C-alpha atoms as a PDB file:
ATOM      1  CA  UNK A   1     134.535 -82.088 -18.054  1.00  0.00           C
ATOM      2  CA  UNK A   2     131.780 -80.690 -20.239  1.00  0.00           C
ATOM      3  CA  UNK A   3     129.234 -79.864 -17.552  1.00  0.00           C
ATOM      4  CA  UNK A   4     130.377 -76.889 -15.503  1.00  0.00           C
ATOM      5  CA  UNK A   5     127.448 -75.844 -13.370  1.00  0.00           C
ATOM      6  CA  UNK A   6     123.676 -75.901 -13.075  1.00  0.00           C
ATOM      7  CA  UNK A   7     121.738 -72.668 -13.064  1.00  0.00           C
ATOM      8  CA  UNK A   8     118.412 -72.742 -11.253  1.00  0.00           C
ATOM      9  CA  UNK A   9     116.286 -69.625 -11.516  1.00  0.00           C
ATOM     10  CA  UNK A  10     118.048 -68.163 -14.515  1.00  0.00           C
ATOM     11  CA  UNK A  11     116.169 -64.922 -14.969  1.00  0.00           C
ATOM     12  CA  UNK A  12     118.411 -62.285 -16.567  1.00  0.00           C
ATOM     13  CA  UNK A  13     121.522 -62.958 -14.506  1.00  0.00           C
ATOM     14  CA  UNK A  14     123.413 -64.521 -17.422  1.00  0.00           C
ATOM     15  CA  UNK A  15     122.800 -62.876 -20.806  1.00  0.00           C
ATOM     16  CA  UNK A  16     124.447 -65.669 -22.817  1.00  0.00           C
ATOM     17  CA  UNK A  17     122.075 -68.241 -21.301  1.00  0.00           C
ATOM     18  CA  UNK A  18     119.132 -65.933 -21.949  1.00  0.00           C
ATOM     19  CA  UNK A  19     120.192 -65.719 -25.593  1.00  0.00           C
ATOM     20  CA  UNK A  20     120.703 -69.466 -25.834  1.00  0.00           C
ATOM     21  CA  UNK A  21     117.213 -70.234 -24.493  1.00  0.00           C
ATOM     22  CA  UNK A  22     115.551 -67.472 -26.555  1.00  0.00           C
ATOM     23  CA  UNK A  23     114.128 -66.027 -23.325  1.00  0.00           C
ATOM     24  CA  UNK A  24     111.940 -69.059 -22.674  1.00  0.00           C
ATOM     25  CA  UNK A  25     113.068 -69.212 -19.027  1.00  0.00           C
ATOM     26  CA  UNK A  26     111.021 -66.106 -18.199  1.00  0.00           C
ATOM     27  CA  UNK A  27     107.868 -67.741 -19.548  1.00  0.00           C
ATOM     28  CA  UNK A  28     108.495 -70.944 -17.619  1.00  0.00           C
ATOM     29  CA  UNK A  29     109.307 -69.221 -14.338  1.00  0.00           C
ATOM     30  CA  UNK A  30     106.098 -67.179 -14.567  1.00  0.00           C
ATOM     31  CA  UNK A  31     103.926 -70.210 -15.309  1.00  0.00           C
ATOM     32  CA  UNK A  32     101.803 -71.612 -12.453  1.00  0.00           C
ATOM     33  CA  UNK A  33     103.318 -74.556 -10.626  1.00  0.00           C
ATOM     34  CA  UNK A  34     106.617 -74.500 -12.523  1.00  0.00           C
ATOM     35  CA  UNK A  35     109.729 -74.861 -10.391  1.00  0.00           C
ATOM     36  CA  UNK A  36     113.401 -75.785 -10.691  1.00  0.00           C
ATOM     37  CA  UNK A  37     114.040 -74.330 -14.149  1.00  0.00           C
ATOM     38  CA  UNK A  38     117.620 -75.491 -14.680  1.00  0.00           C
ATOM     39  CA  UNK A  39     120.266 -75.301 -17.383  1.00  0.00           C
ATOM     40  CA  UNK A  40     123.457 -77.326 -17.308  1.00  0.00           C
ATOM     41  CA  UNK A  41     126.100 -74.959 -18.610  1.00  0.00           C
ATOM     42  CA  UNK A  42     128.533 -76.392 -21.097  1.00  0.00           C
ATOM     43  CA  UNK A  43     131.652 -74.720 -22.475  1.00  0.00           C
ATOM     44  CA  UNK A  44     131.882 -73.986 -26.208  1.00  0.00           C
ATOM     45  CA  UNK A  45     133.362 -76.664 -28.409  1.00  0.00           C
ATOM     46  CA  UNK A  46     136.720 -76.003 -29.990  1.00  0.00           C
ATOM     47  CA  UNK A  47     137.085 -75.898 -33.757  1.00  0.00           C
ATOM     48  CA  UNK A  48     139.435 -78.854 -33.809  1.00  0.00           C
ATOM     49  CA  UNK A  49     136.705 -80.967 -32.193  1.00  0.00           C
ATOM     50  CA  UNK A  50     134.378 -80.163 -35.080  1.00  0.00           C
ATOM     51  CA  UNK A  51     137.091 -80.897 -37.659  1.00  0.00           C
ATOM     52  CA  UNK A  52     137.875 -84.179 -35.947  1.00  0.00           C
ATOM     53  CA  UNK A  53     134.202 -85.174 -36.024  1.00  0.00           C
ATOM     54  CA  UNK A  54     133.946 -84.372 -39.735  1.00  0.00           C
ATOM     55  CA  UNK A  55     137.052 -86.386 -40.594  1.00  0.00           C
ATOM     56  CA  UNK A  56     136.019 -89.330 -38.462  1.00  0.00           C
ATOM     57  CA  UNK A  57     132.531 -89.572 -39.975  1.00  0.00           C
ATOM     58  CA  UNK A  58     133.377 -88.351 -43.501  1.00  0.00           C
ATOM     59  CA  UNK A  59     130.594 -85.771 -43.210  1.00  0.00           C
ATOM     60  CA  UNK A  60     130.552 -81.985 -43.502  1.00  0.00           C
ATOM     61  CA  UNK A  61     128.761 -80.477 -40.524  1.00  0.00           C
ATOM     62  CA  UNK A  62     126.090 -77.873 -41.444  1.00  0.00           C
ATOM     63  CA  UNK A  63     126.976 -74.274 -40.613  1.00  0.00           C
ATOM     64  CA  UNK A  64     124.118 -73.787 -38.162  1.00  0.00           C
ATOM     65  CA  UNK A  65     125.170 -76.928 -36.274  1.00  0.00           C
ATOM     66  CA  UNK A  66     128.767 -75.671 -36.178  1.00  0.00           C
ATOM     67  CA  UNK A  67     127.671 -72.295 -34.840  1.00  0.00           C
ATOM     68  CA  UNK A  68     125.617 -73.998 -32.143  1.00  0.00           C
ATOM     69  CA  UNK A  69     128.528 -76.124 -30.932  1.00  0.00           C
ATOM     70  CA  UNK A  70     130.861 -73.111 -31.018  1.00  0.00           C
ATOM     71  CA  UNK A  71     128.446 -71.460 -28.570  1.00  0.00           C
ATOM     72  CA  UNK A  72     127.847 -74.488 -26.339  1.00  0.00           C
ATOM     73  CA  UNK A  73     128.992 -78.088 -26.640  1.00  0.00           C
ATOM     74  CA  UNK A  74     125.533 -79.550 -26.161  1.00  0.00           C
ATOM     75  CA  UNK A  75     122.412 -78.318 -24.436  1.00  0.00           C
ATOM     76  CA  UNK A  76     120.338 -79.582 -21.512  1.00  0.00           C
ATOM     77  CA  UNK A  77     117.509 -77.662 -19.864  1.00  0.00           C
ATOM     78  CA  UNK A  78     114.933 -79.125 -17.490  1.00  0.00           C
ATOM     79  CA  UNK A  79     111.986 -77.920 -15.424  1.00  0.00           C
ATOM     80  CA  UNK A  80     109.558 -79.450 -12.964  1.00  0.00           C
ATOM     81  CA  UNK A  81     106.063 -78.861 -11.598  1.00  0.00           C
ATOM     82  CA  UNK A  82     104.932 -78.863  -7.991  1.00  0.00           C
ATOM     83  CA  UNK A  83     101.714 -80.760  -7.304  1.00  0.00           C
ATOM     84  CA  UNK A  84     100.476 -81.391  -3.762  1.00  0.00           C
ATOM     85  CA  UNK A  85     103.890 -80.706  -2.274  1.00  0.00           C
ATOM     86  CA  UNK A  86     105.466 -83.195  -4.701  1.00  0.00           C
ATOM     87  CA  UNK A  87     107.943 -82.037  -7.330  1.00  0.00           C
ATOM     88  CA  UNK A  88     107.532 -83.876 -10.651  1.00  0.00           C
ATOM     89  CA  UNK A  89     110.176 -83.574 -13.412  1.00  0.00           C
ATOM     90  CA  UNK A  90     108.324 -82.633 -16.596  1.00  0.00           C
ATOM     91  CA  UNK A  91     110.101 -80.603 -19.300  1.00  0.00           C
ATOM     92  CA  UNK A  92     113.397 -81.645 -20.855  1.00  0.00           C
ATOM     93  CA  UNK A  93     115.257 -80.015 -23.755  1.00  0.00           C
ATOM     94  CA  UNK A  94     118.488 -81.632 -24.888  1.00  0.00           C
ATOM     95  CA  UNK A  95     121.005 -81.631 -27.716  1.00  0.00           C
ATOM     96  CA  UNK A  96     123.849 -84.140 -27.570  1.00  0.00           C
ATOM     97  CA  UNK A  97     127.418 -82.908 -27.305  1.00  0.00           C
ATOM     98  CA  UNK A  98     129.814 -83.544 -30.183  1.00  0.00           C
ATOM     99  CA  UNK A  99     131.233 -86.599 -28.462  1.00  0.00           C
ATOM    100  CA  UNK A 100     127.708 -88.061 -28.233  1.00  0.00           C
ATOM    101  CA  UNK A 101     126.705 -87.053 -31.760  1.00  0.00           C
ATOM    102  CA  UNK A 102     127.168 -90.630 -32.876  1.00  0.00           C
ATOM    103  CA  UNK A 103     125.926 -92.537 -35.892  1.00  0.00           C
ATOM    104  CA  UNK A 104     123.055 -94.957 -35.471  1.00  0.00           C
ATOM    105  CA  UNK A 105     124.656 -98.373 -35.562  1.00  0.00           C
ATOM    106  CA  UNK A 106     123.973-100.751 -38.415  1.00  0.00           C
ATOM    107  CA  UNK A 107     125.204-103.729 -36.450  1.00  0.00           C
ATOM    108  CA  UNK A 108     122.963-106.430 -35.044  1.00  0.00           C
ATOM    109  CA  UNK A 109     120.388-105.233 -32.534  1.00  0.00           C
ATOM    110  CA  UNK A 110     120.917-108.363 -30.443  1.00  0.00           C
ATOM    111  CA  UNK A 111     123.879-110.483 -29.498  1.00  0.00           C
ATOM    112  CA  UNK A 112     122.701-113.480 -31.500  1.00  0.00           C
ATOM    113  CA  UNK A 113     124.784-114.217 -34.610  1.00  0.00           C
ATOM    114  CA  UNK A 114     121.886-114.137 -37.088  1.00  0.00           C
ATOM    115  CA  UNK A 115     119.855-111.415 -35.393  1.00  0.00           C
ATOM    116  CA  UNK A 116     118.309-108.733 -37.655  1.00  0.00           C
ATOM    117  CA  UNK A 117     119.887-105.320 -38.126  1.00  0.00           C
ATOM    118  CA  UNK A 118     118.095-101.995 -38.460  1.00  0.00           C
ATOM    119  CA  UNK A 119     118.441-102.272 -42.224  1.00  0.00           C
ATOM    120  CA  UNK A 120     116.727-105.674 -42.157  1.00  0.00           C
ATOM    121  CA  UNK A 121     113.778-104.239 -40.247  1.00  0.00           C
ATOM    122  CA  UNK A 122     113.335-101.279 -42.566  1.00  0.00           C
ATOM    123  CA  UNK A 123     109.948-100.836 -44.219  1.00  0.00           C
ATOM    124  CA  UNK A 124     110.196 -99.553 -47.800  1.00  0.00           C
ATOM    125  CA  UNK A 125     106.464 -99.440 -48.443  1.00  0.00           C
ATOM    126  CA  UNK A 126     106.119 -95.743 -47.611  1.00  0.00           C
ATOM    127  CA  UNK A 127     108.327 -93.718 -49.915  1.00  0.00           C
ATOM    128  CA  UNK A 128     108.352 -90.051 -50.852  1.00  0.00           C
ATOM    129  CA  UNK A 129     105.130 -88.350 -51.930  1.00  0.00           C
ATOM    130  CA  UNK A 130     104.086 -84.872 -52.949  1.00  0.00           C
ATOM    131  CA  UNK A 131     103.559 -83.720 -49.374  1.00  0.00           C
ATOM    132  CA  UNK A 132     106.234 -85.846 -47.666  1.00  0.00           C
ATOM    133  CA  UNK A 133     109.959 -86.043 -48.484  1.00  0.00           C
ATOM    134  CA  UNK A 134     111.726 -89.340 -48.922  1.00  0.00           C
ATOM    135  CA  UNK A 135     112.307 -90.947 -45.572  1.00  0.00           C
ATOM    136  CA  UNK A 136     115.796 -91.869 -44.340  1.00  0.00           C
ATOM    137  CA  UNK A 137     117.230 -95.345 -44.758  1.00  0.00           C
ATOM    138  CA  UNK A 138     119.114 -97.423 -42.226  1.00  0.00           C
ATOM    139  CA  UNK A 139     121.522 -98.754 -44.857  1.00  0.00           C
ATOM    140  CA  UNK A 140     124.320 -96.892 -46.657  1.00  0.00           C
ATOM    141  CA  UNK A 141     121.854 -94.710 -48.580  1.00  0.00           C
ATOM    142  CA  UNK A 142     121.624 -92.392 -45.547  1.00  0.00           C
ATOM    143  CA  UNK A 143     123.933 -91.365 -42.714  1.00  0.00           C
ATOM    144  CA  UNK A 144     122.091 -90.814 -39.435  1.00  0.00           C
ATOM    145  CA  UNK A 145     123.329 -89.167 -36.221  1.00  0.00           C
ATOM    146  CA  UNK A 146     121.438 -88.978 -32.940  1.00  0.00           C
ATOM    147  CA  UNK A 147     120.773 -85.482 -31.622  1.00  0.00           C
ATOM    148  CA  UNK A 148     118.445 -86.395 -28.753  1.00  0.00           C
ATOM    149  CA  UNK A 149     117.253 -89.674 -27.236  1.00  0.00           C
ATOM    150  CA  UNK A 150     113.961 -88.036 -26.122  1.00  0.00           C
ATOM    151  CA  UNK A 151     114.049 -89.839 -22.753  1.00  0.00           C
ATOM    152  CA  UNK A 152     113.362 -93.163 -24.447  1.00  0.00           C
ATOM    153  CA  UNK A 153     110.280 -92.113 -26.438  1.00  0.00           C
ATOM    154  CA  UNK A 154     112.187 -92.001 -29.743  1.00  0.00           C
ATOM    155  CA  UNK A 155     115.204 -90.352 -31.349  1.00  0.00           C
ATOM    156  CA  UNK A 156     115.678 -86.978 -33.023  1.00  0.00           C
ATOM    157  CA  UNK A 157     118.277 -87.426 -35.747  1.00  0.00           C
ATOM    158  CA  UNK A 158     120.463 -85.365 -38.020  1.00  0.00           C
ATOM    159  CA  UNK A 159     120.105 -87.155 -41.343  1.00  0.00           C
ATOM    160  CA  UNK A 160     122.394 -86.943 -44.365  1.00  0.00           C
ATOM    161  CA  UNK A 161     120.166 -88.046 -47.223  1.00  0.00           C
ATOM    162  CA  UNK A 162     122.777 -88.965 -49.855  1.00  0.00           C
ATOM    163  CA  UNK A 163     125.211 -91.178 -47.929  1.00  0.00           C
ATOM    164  CA  UNK A 164     128.972 -90.714 -47.633  1.00  0.00           C
ATOM    165  CA  UNK A 165     130.801 -88.534 -48.370  1.00  0.00           C
ATOM    166  CA  UNK A 166     127.999 -86.480 -46.840  1.00  0.00           C
ATOM    167  CA  UNK A 167     127.488 -82.817 -47.717  1.00  0.00           C
ATOM    168  CA  UNK A 168     126.074 -80.187 -45.385  1.00  0.00           C
ATOM    169  CA  UNK A 169     123.282 -79.160 -47.778  1.00  0.00           C
ATOM    170  CA  UNK A 170     121.878 -82.719 -47.799  1.00  0.00           C
ATOM    171  CA  UNK A 171     120.853 -82.679 -44.144  1.00  0.00           C
ATOM    172  CA  UNK A 172     117.386 -82.772 -42.564  1.00  0.00           C
ATOM    173  CA  UNK A 173     116.029 -83.323 -39.058  1.00  0.00           C
ATOM    174  CA  UNK A 174     113.819 -86.386 -38.578  1.00  0.00           C
ATOM    175  CA  UNK A 175     112.123 -88.118 -35.662  1.00  0.00           C
ATOM    176  CA  UNK A 176     112.402 -91.897 -35.313  1.00  0.00           C
ATOM    177  CA  UNK A 177     109.651 -93.300 -33.095  1.00  0.00           C
ATOM    178  CA  UNK A 178     109.846 -96.469 -31.019  1.00  0.00           C
ATOM    179  CA  UNK A 179     108.242 -98.500 -33.796  1.00  0.00           C
ATOM    180  CA  UNK A 180     111.123 -97.471 -36.125  1.00  0.00           C
ATOM    181  CA  UNK A 181     108.932 -95.233 -38.296  1.00  0.00           C
ATOM    182  CA  UNK A 182     110.351 -91.950 -39.585  1.00  0.00           C
ATOM    183  CA  UNK A 183     108.622 -88.581 -39.263  1.00  0.00           C
ATOM    184  CA  UNK A 184     109.916 -85.400 -40.885  1.00  0.00           C
ATOM    185  CA  UNK A 185     110.500 -82.440 -38.558  1.00  0.00           C
ATOM    186  CA  UNK A 186     112.471 -79.622 -40.238  1.00  0.00           C
ATOM    187  CA  UNK A 187     114.862 -78.836 -43.067  1.00  0.00           C
ATOM    188  CA  UNK A 188     117.495 -77.231 -40.850  1.00  0.00           C
ATOM    189  CA  UNK A 189     118.911 -77.581 -37.359  1.00  0.00           C
ATOM    190  CA  UNK A 190     118.044 -73.949 -36.566  1.00  0.00           C
ATOM    191  CA  UNK A 191     114.365 -74.569 -37.301  1.00  0.00           C
ATOM    192  CA  UNK A 192     114.405 -77.687 -35.127  1.00  0.00           C
ATOM    193  CA  UNK A 193     116.081 -75.844 -32.247  1.00  0.00           C
ATOM    194  CA  UNK A 194     113.298 -73.269 -32.307  1.00  0.00           C
ATOM    195  CA  UNK A 195     110.714 -76.048 -32.195  1.00  0.00           C
ATOM    196  CA  UNK A 196     112.516 -77.608 -29.246  1.00  0.00           C
ATOM    197  CA  UNK A 197     112.536 -74.370 -27.274  1.00  0.00           C
ATOM    198  CA  UNK A 198     109.034 -73.180 -28.122  1.00  0.00           C
ATOM    199  CA  UNK A 199     107.493 -76.571 -27.291  1.00  0.00           C
ATOM    200  CA  UNK A 200     108.969 -76.127 -23.793  1.00  0.00           C
ATOM    201  CA  UNK A 201     110.437 -79.628 -23.819  1.00  0.00           C
ATOM    202  CA  UNK A 202     107.031 -81.099 -22.943  1.00  0.00           C
ATOM    203  CA  UNK A 203     106.916 -84.908 -22.860  1.00  0.00           C
ATOM    204  CA  UNK A 204     106.540 -86.542 -26.288  1.00  0.00           C
ATOM    205  CA  UNK A 205     106.149 -83.189 -28.061  1.00  0.00           C
ATOM    206  CA  UNK A 206     107.786 -84.676 -31.182  1.00  0.00           C
ATOM    207  CA  UNK A 207     104.739 -86.922 -31.622  1.00  0.00           C
ATOM    208  CA  UNK A 208     102.702 -83.821 -32.449  1.00  0.00           C
ATOM    209  CA  UNK A 209     104.380 -84.062 -35.872  1.00  0.00           C
ATOM    210  CA  UNK A 210     103.305 -87.662 -36.445  1.00  0.00           C
ATOM    211  CA  UNK A 211     100.091 -88.977 -37.944  1.00  0.00           C
ATOM    212  CA  UNK A 212      98.968 -90.491 -34.612  1.00  0.00           C
ATOM    213  CA  UNK A 213      99.801 -87.537 -32.373  1.00  0.00           C
ATOM    214  CA  UNK A 214     100.706 -87.331 -28.714  1.00  0.00           C
ATOM    215  CA  UNK A 215      99.395 -89.672 -26.023  1.00  0.00           C
ATOM    216  CA  UNK A 216      96.368 -88.841 -23.830  1.00  0.00           C
ATOM    217  CA  UNK A 217      98.631 -88.264 -20.828  1.00  0.00           C
ATOM    218  CA  UNK A 218     100.826 -85.853 -22.795  1.00  0.00           C
ATOM    219  CA  UNK A 219      97.711 -84.017 -23.985  1.00  0.00           C
ATOM    220  CA  UNK A 220      96.874 -83.241 -20.373  1.00  0.00           C
ATOM    221  CA  UNK A 221     100.230 -81.496 -19.948  1.00  0.00           C
ATOM    222  CA  UNK A 222      99.859 -79.756 -23.316  1.00  0.00           C
ATOM    223  CA  UNK A 223      96.485 -78.348 -22.249  1.00  0.00           C
ATOM    224  CA  UNK A 224      98.010 -77.032 -19.023  1.00  0.00           C
ATOM    225  CA  UNK A 225     101.248 -75.641 -20.498  1.00  0.00           C
ATOM    226  CA  UNK A 226     100.442 -74.843 -24.120  1.00  0.00           C
ATOM    227  CA  UNK A 227     103.515 -74.624 -26.348  1.00  0.00           C
ATOM    228  CA  UNK A 228     104.047 -71.253 -27.999  1.00  0.00           C
ATOM    229  CA  UNK A 229     103.848 -72.575 -31.559  1.00  0.00           C
ATOM    230  CA  UNK A 230     101.417 -75.454 -31.021  1.00  0.00           C
ATOM    231  CA  UNK A 231      98.118 -75.513 -32.907  1.00  0.00           C
ATOM    232  CA  UNK A 232      95.800 -74.845 -29.979  1.00  0.00           C
ATOM    233  CA  UNK A 233      92.686 -75.365 -32.115  1.00  0.00           C
ATOM    234  CA  UNK A 234      93.841 -78.870 -32.972  1.00  0.00           C
ATOM    235  CA  UNK A 235      94.650 -79.478 -29.325  1.00  0.00           C
ATOM    236  CA  UNK A 236      91.154 -78.412 -28.272  1.00  0.00           C
ATOM    237  CA  UNK A 237      89.469 -80.654 -30.810  1.00  0.00           C
ATOM    238  CA  UNK A 238      91.554 -83.683 -29.973  1.00  0.00           C
ATOM    239  CA  UNK A 239      91.451 -83.386 -26.205  1.00  0.00           C
ATOM    240  CA  UNK A 240      87.664 -83.145 -25.820  1.00  0.00           C
ATOM    241  CA  UNK A 241      87.519 -86.857 -25.086  1.00  0.00           C
ATOM    242  CA  UNK A 242      90.582 -86.863 -22.817  1.00  0.00           C
ATOM    243  CA  UNK A 243      90.534 -83.671 -20.763  1.00  0.00           C
ATOM    244  CA  UNK A 244      87.855 -83.519 -18.079  1.00  0.00           C
ATOM    245  CA  UNK A 245      85.644 -80.522 -18.789  1.00  0.00           C
ATOM    246  CA  UNK A 246      82.276 -79.389 -17.415  1.00  0.00           C
ATOM    247  CA  UNK A 247      80.079 -77.388 -19.771  1.00  0.00           C
ATOM    248  CA  UNK A 248      76.957 -76.299 -17.823  1.00  0.00           C
ATOM    249  CA  UNK A 249      75.025 -75.395 -20.985  1.00  0.00           C
ATOM    250  CA  UNK A 250      75.530 -78.875 -22.411  1.00  0.00           C
ATOM    251  CA  UNK A 251      74.623 -80.535 -19.129  1.00  0.00           C
ATOM    252  CA  UNK A 252      71.353 -78.627 -18.772  1.00  0.00           C
ATOM    253  CA  UNK A 253      70.455 -79.173 -22.414  1.00  0.00           C
ATOM    254  CA  UNK A 254      70.789 -82.904 -22.028  1.00  0.00           C
ATOM    255  CA  UNK A 255      68.609 -82.848 -18.920  1.00  0.00           C
ATOM    256  CA  UNK A 256      65.870 -80.871 -20.659  1.00  0.00           C
ATOM    257  CA  UNK A 257      65.760 -83.304 -23.532  1.00  0.00           C
ATOM    258  CA  UNK A 258      65.211 -86.153 -21.090  1.00  0.00           C
ATOM    259  CA  UNK A 259      62.586 -84.408 -18.946  1.00  0.00           C
ATOM    260  CA  UNK A 260      60.328 -83.241 -21.786  1.00  0.00           C
ATOM    261  CA  UNK A 261      59.352 -86.764 -23.000  1.00  0.00           C
ATOM    262  CA  UNK A 262      58.659 -87.818 -19.424  1.00  0.00           C
ATOM    263  CA  UNK A 263      56.111 -85.018 -18.997  1.00  0.00           C
ATOM    264  CA  UNK A 264      54.337 -85.865 -22.243  1.00  0.00           C
ATOM    265  CA  UNK A 265      54.366 -89.600 -21.534  1.00  0.00           C
ATOM    266  CA  UNK A 266      51.763 -89.707 -18.721  1.00  0.00           C
ATOM    267  CA  UNK A 267      49.356 -87.404 -20.613  1.00  0.00           C
ATOM    268  CA  UNK A 268      48.927 -89.658 -23.657  1.00  0.00           C
ATOM    269  CA  UNK A 269      48.088 -92.987 -21.939  1.00  0.00           C
ATOM    270  CA  UNK A 270      45.894 -91.236 -19.318  1.00  0.00           C
ATOM    271  CA  UNK A 271      42.674 -92.501 -20.961  1.00  0.00           C
ATOM    272  CA  UNK A 272      43.983 -96.018 -21.106  1.00  0.00           C
ATOM    273  CA  UNK A 273      44.827 -96.055 -17.429  1.00  0.00           C
ATOM    274  CA  UNK A 274      41.172 -95.354 -16.426  1.00  0.00           C
ATOM    275  CA  UNK A 275      40.011 -98.551 -18.138  1.00  0.00           C
ATOM    276  CA  UNK A 276      41.687-101.021 -15.814  1.00  0.00           C
ATOM    277  CA  UNK A 277      40.709 -99.030 -12.741  1.00  0.00           C
ATOM    278  CA  UNK A 278      36.999 -99.373 -13.684  1.00  0.00           C
ATOM    279  CA  UNK A 279      36.414-103.007 -12.655  1.00  0.00           C
ATOM    280  CA  UNK A 280      37.610-102.329  -9.136  1.00  0.00           C
ATOM    281  CA  UNK A 281      34.610-100.012  -8.479  1.00  0.00           C
ATOM    282  CA  UNK A 282      31.007-101.191  -7.971  1.00  0.00           C
ATOM    283  CA  UNK A 283      28.695-101.680 -11.046  1.00  0.00           C
ATOM    284  CA  UNK A 284      30.882-100.276 -13.797  1.00  0.00           C
ATOM    285  CA  UNK A 285      29.338-102.291 -16.587  1.00  0.00           C
ATOM    286  CA  UNK A 286      28.746 -99.319 -18.881  1.00  0.00           C
ATOM    287  CA  UNK A 287      32.291 -98.211 -18.679  1.00  0.00           C
ATOM    288  CA  UNK A 288      33.556-101.742 -19.193  1.00  0.00           C
ATOM    289  CA  UNK A 289      31.356-102.130 -22.247  1.00  0.00           C
ATOM    290  CA  UNK A 290      32.557 -98.870 -23.728  1.00  0.00           C
ATOM    291  CA  UNK A 291      36.122 -99.822 -23.124  1.00  0.00           C
ATOM    292  CA  UNK A 292      35.627-103.221 -24.753  1.00  0.00           C
ATOM    293  CA  UNK A 293      33.850-101.659 -27.737  1.00  0.00           C
ATOM    294  CA  UNK A 294      36.501 -99.039 -28.172  1.00  0.00           C
ATOM    295  CA  UNK A 295      39.137-101.694 -27.771  1.00  0.00           C
ATOM    296  CA  UNK A 296      37.982-103.857 -30.701  1.00  0.00           C
ATOM    297  CA  UNK A 297      38.793-101.400 -33.508  1.00  0.00           C
ATOM    298  CA  UNK A 298      42.236-100.806 -32.147  1.00  0.00           C
ATOM    299  CA  UNK A 299      42.966-104.523 -32.198  1.00  0.00           C
ATOM    300  CA  UNK A 300      41.850-104.735 -35.822  1.00  0.00           C
END
């Protein structure tokens, strides 16, 4: 059994958990509305489990990944928020155990005999550029292992870029979205783990590293619980059209711009309004004549 116990309200009671979470539990527990901060404790993996994984997959596991599994065989931390007496699960941080660190299958995606495989669906139009490394491939050119299923919003993968036999120095961490597009995250597992922790496990946080960004709903949570390393300026610019905000200065400015033309409007046509009112009074021939005379030039 890998899962030993859950630890709500961690605090400083267990130093090894505090070290594993980089102290993020204190920040979460002090945040407004956050409740049920929980870690599922897992025992360390044994060295023979790592050796067995390497032999089975013909891949050398990176040193930082080995050190992680020798500390804990997987990682799972969750937290919730309390809104109107309802508890809503929100944050989730997870790293698969060694037994679940499995290779993305190249077999058919469906049960039909001639159904396409992941390699058949691969798009080779977007290759490496100056600012982006070469993306992984679903065929034998790359070896891909799933680190986190991201609750169905995509997959975070440990990618060996040069195929088998795979060397530890050829690894990178990539995010595969639901449309099967690749997005680069980090060069090392350690750097990714820091991103995972400092983004608080907020929903869809991996999409912050894509060209299309996080969803409007996720932006609401990001604005409420800002990740430690997130670009808050970018968040502010992007969420102006999604987050409900009331700026009194802008509201009053817009009202003033509307009122000013209304005040000037009646003043300008004031002379024209007296013309039609003339015929209603008795013997207003002089005024009618002047209005007709003054009206002819304007028509010309």
